[in-house]
Amino acid sequence: MLGRRTFCTIVVGATLGAEPALAQWCFEPTKPYCLGFGTPDEMCRFSVDQYVQQERAFRQCVVDEANAKVEESRTRVNRVIEQWNCYARGGTFCL
């Protein structure tokens, strides 16, 4: 069982570096349709270049979304720890 001091340390450690979480919607791009026809041309190259850029943006979006979820989790944990600390100090109504 963890003592009060341990919980206080966890709260401080869990809140360091916390940033507000932003909701994101990540959409995976579709492969350029021109690649199935076997005729490379400038329009197809343009489509491939766009696809590569969209894939990079998608990966960054997924990373940002995961980081936001981690921050949401930290916030939930901190609330529970704060509530426990309130009860441990003898509080009867702790939010």
C-alpha atoms as a PDB file:
ATOM      1  CA  MET A   1       0.000   0.000   0.000  1.00  0.00           C
ATOM      2  CA  LEU A   2       1.361   3.403  -0.937  1.00  0.00           C
ATOM      3  CA  GLY A   3       1.656   6.132   1.651  1.00  0.00           C
ATOM      4  CA  ARG A   4       0.637   9.752   1.296  1.00  0.00           C
ATOM      5  CA  ARG A   5       4.148  10.908   0.415  1.00  0.00           C
ATOM      6  CA  THR A   6       4.298   8.470  -2.500  1.00  0.00           C
ATOM      7  CA  PHE A   7       1.009   9.780  -3.873  1.00  0.00           C
ATOM      8  CA  CYS A   8       2.212  13.374  -3.639  1.00  0.00           C
ATOM      9  CA  THR A   9       5.335  12.451  -5.573  1.00  0.00           C
ATOM     10  CA  ILE A  10       3.242  10.734  -8.242  1.00  0.00           C
ATOM     11  CA  VAL A  11       1.018  13.795  -8.640  1.00  0.00           C
ATOM     12  CA  VAL A  12       3.990  16.094  -9.159  1.00  0.00           C
ATOM     13  CA  GLY A  13       5.680  13.696 -11.584  1.00  0.00           C
ATOM     14  CA  ALA A  14       2.526  13.041 -13.579  1.00  0.00           C
ATOM     15  CA  THR A  15       1.745  16.724 -14.099  1.00  0.00           C
ATOM     16  CA  LEU A  16       5.152  17.827 -15.338  1.00  0.00           C
ATOM     17  CA  GLY A  17       5.099  18.687 -19.006  1.00  0.00           C
ATOM     18  CA  ALA A  18       1.318  18.455 -19.291  1.00  0.00           C
ATOM     19  CA  GLU A  19      -0.217  20.318 -22.231  1.00  0.00           C
ATOM     20  CA  PRO A  20      -3.875  20.730 -23.125  1.00  0.00           C
ATOM     21  CA  ALA A  21      -5.251  17.861 -25.173  1.00  0.00           C
ATOM     22  CA  LEU A  22      -6.685  18.642 -28.593  1.00  0.00           C
ATOM     23  CA  ALA A  23      -9.208  16.439 -30.328  1.00  0.00           C
ATOM     24  CA  GLN A  24      -7.981  15.300 -33.727  1.00  0.00           C
ATOM     25  CA  TRP A  25      -9.436  13.350 -36.588  1.00  0.00           C
ATOM     26  CA  CYS A  26      -6.863  11.408 -38.566  1.00  0.00           C
ATOM     27  CA  PHE A  27      -7.793  10.127 -41.993  1.00  0.00           C
ATOM     28  CA  GLU A  28      -5.554   7.606 -43.695  1.00  0.00           C
ATOM     29  CA  PRO A  29      -4.949   8.603 -47.313  1.00  0.00           C
ATOM     30  CA  THR A  30      -5.721   6.237 -50.143  1.00  0.00           C
ATOM     31  CA  LYS A  31      -3.087   4.947 -52.536  1.00  0.00           C
ATOM     32  CA  PRO A  32      -3.032   6.857 -55.846  1.00  0.00           C
ATOM     33  CA  TYR A  33      -5.314   5.090 -58.320  1.00  0.00           C
ATOM     34  CA  CYS A  34      -2.973   5.781 -61.239  1.00  0.00           C
ATOM     35  CA  LEU A  35      -0.463   3.215 -59.954  1.00  0.00           C
ATOM     36  CA  GLY A  36      -2.786   0.399 -61.007  1.00  0.00           C
ATOM     37  CA  PHE A  37      -2.710   1.411 -64.668  1.00  0.00           C
ATOM     38  CA  GLY A  38       1.026   1.072 -65.274  1.00  0.00           C
ATOM     39  CA  THR A  39       1.377   4.330 -67.191  1.00  0.00           C
ATOM     40  CA  PRO A  40       3.642   6.766 -65.360  1.00  0.00           C
ATOM     41  CA  ASP A  41       2.999  10.363 -66.286  1.00  0.00           C
ATOM     42  CA  GLU A  42       3.312  13.766 -64.630  1.00  0.00           C
ATOM     43  CA  MET A  43      -0.226  13.638 -63.231  1.00  0.00           C
ATOM     44  CA  CYS A  44       0.501  10.287 -61.603  1.00  0.00           C
ATOM     45  CA  ARG A  45       3.774  11.593 -60.201  1.00  0.00           C
ATOM     46  CA  PHE A  46       1.906  14.575 -58.773  1.00  0.00           C
ATOM     47  CA  SER A  47      -0.625  12.181 -57.181  1.00  0.00           C
ATOM     48  CA  VAL A  48       2.186  10.112 -55.655  1.00  0.00           C
ATOM     49  CA  ASP A  49       3.864  13.246 -54.266  1.00  0.00           C
ATOM     50  CA  GLN A  50       0.565  14.336 -52.729  1.00  0.00           C
ATOM     51  CA  TYR A  51       0.060  10.872 -51.282  1.00  0.00           C
ATOM     52  CA  VAL A  52       3.493  10.947 -49.629  1.00  0.00           C
ATOM     53  CA  GLN A  53       2.726  14.340 -48.072  1.00  0.00           C
ATOM     54  CA  GLN A  54      -0.671  13.117 -46.873  1.00  0.00           C
ATOM     55  CA  GLU A  55       0.912  10.021 -45.318  1.00  0.00           C
ATOM     56  CA  ARG A  56       3.383  12.180 -43.396  1.00  0.00           C
ATOM     57  CA  ALA A  57       0.550  14.391 -42.175  1.00  0.00           C
ATOM     58  CA  PHE A  58      -1.437  11.282 -41.200  1.00  0.00           C
ATOM     59  CA  ARG A  59       1.462   9.891 -39.163  1.00  0.00           C
ATOM     60  CA  GLN A  60       1.897  13.215 -37.358  1.00  0.00           C
ATOM     61  CA  CYS A  61      -1.832  13.364 -36.678  1.00  0.00           C
ATOM     62  CA  VAL A  62      -1.747   9.868 -35.151  1.00  0.00           C
ATOM     63  CA  VAL A  63       1.194  10.856 -32.934  1.00  0.00           C
ATOM     64  CA  ASP A  64      -0.569  14.054 -31.844  1.00  0.00           C
ATOM     65  CA  GLU A  65      -3.750  12.115 -31.125  1.00  0.00           C
ATOM     66  CA  ALA A  66      -1.851   9.552 -29.043  1.00  0.00           C
ATOM     67  CA  ASN A  67      -0.115  12.317 -27.088  1.00  0.00           C
ATOM     68  CA  ALA A  68      -3.489  13.945 -26.420  1.00  0.00           C
ATOM     69  CA  LYS A  69      -4.835  10.621 -25.085  1.00  0.00           C
ATOM     70  CA  VAL A  70      -1.817  10.294 -22.788  1.00  0.00           C
ATOM     71  CA  GLU A  71      -2.477  13.782 -21.420  1.00  0.00           C
ATOM     72  CA  GLU A  72      -6.153  12.945 -20.864  1.00  0.00           C
ATOM     73  CA  SER A  73      -5.072   9.835 -18.959  1.00  0.00           C
ATOM     74  CA  ARG A  74      -2.669  11.853 -16.810  1.00  0.00           C
ATOM     75  CA  THR A  75      -5.447  14.305 -15.980  1.00  0.00           C
ATOM     76  CA  ARG A  76      -7.779  11.475 -14.916  1.00  0.00           C
ATOM     77  CA  VAL A  77      -5.053   9.917 -12.768  1.00  0.00           C
ATOM     78  CA  ASN A  78      -4.248  13.252 -11.143  1.00  0.00           C
ATOM     79  CA  ARG A  79      -7.921  13.807 -10.261  1.00  0.00           C
ATOM     80  CA  VAL A  80      -8.131  10.391  -8.605  1.00  0.00           C
ATOM     81  CA  ILE A  81      -4.907  10.992  -6.670  1.00  0.00           C
ATOM     82  CA  GLU A  82      -6.094  14.439  -5.557  1.00  0.00           C
ATOM     83  CA  GLN A  83      -9.366  12.920  -4.389  1.00  0.00           C
ATOM     84  CA  TRP A  84      -7.474  10.217  -2.476  1.00  0.00           C
ATOM     85  CA  ASN A  85      -5.199  12.800  -0.887  1.00  0.00           C
ATOM     86  CA  CYS A  86      -8.265  14.771   0.230  1.00  0.00           C
ATOM     87  CA  TYR A  87      -9.734  11.661   1.886  1.00  0.00           C
ATOM     88  CA  ALA A  88      -6.350  10.783   3.385  1.00  0.00           C
ATOM     89  CA  ARG A  89      -6.222  14.263   4.995  1.00  0.00           C
ATOM     90  CA  GLY A  90      -9.568  13.515   6.643  1.00  0.00           C
ATOM     91  CA  GLY A  91     -11.905  15.168   4.157  1.00  0.00           C
ATOM     92  CA  THR A  92     -15.408  13.764   3.912  1.00  0.00           C
ATOM     93  CA  PHE A  93     -16.541  15.387   0.663  1.00  0.00           C
ATOM     94  CA  CYS A  94     -13.741  15.318  -1.897  1.00  0.00           C
ATOM     95  CA  LEU A  95     -14.182  16.096  -5.604  1.00  0.00           C
END
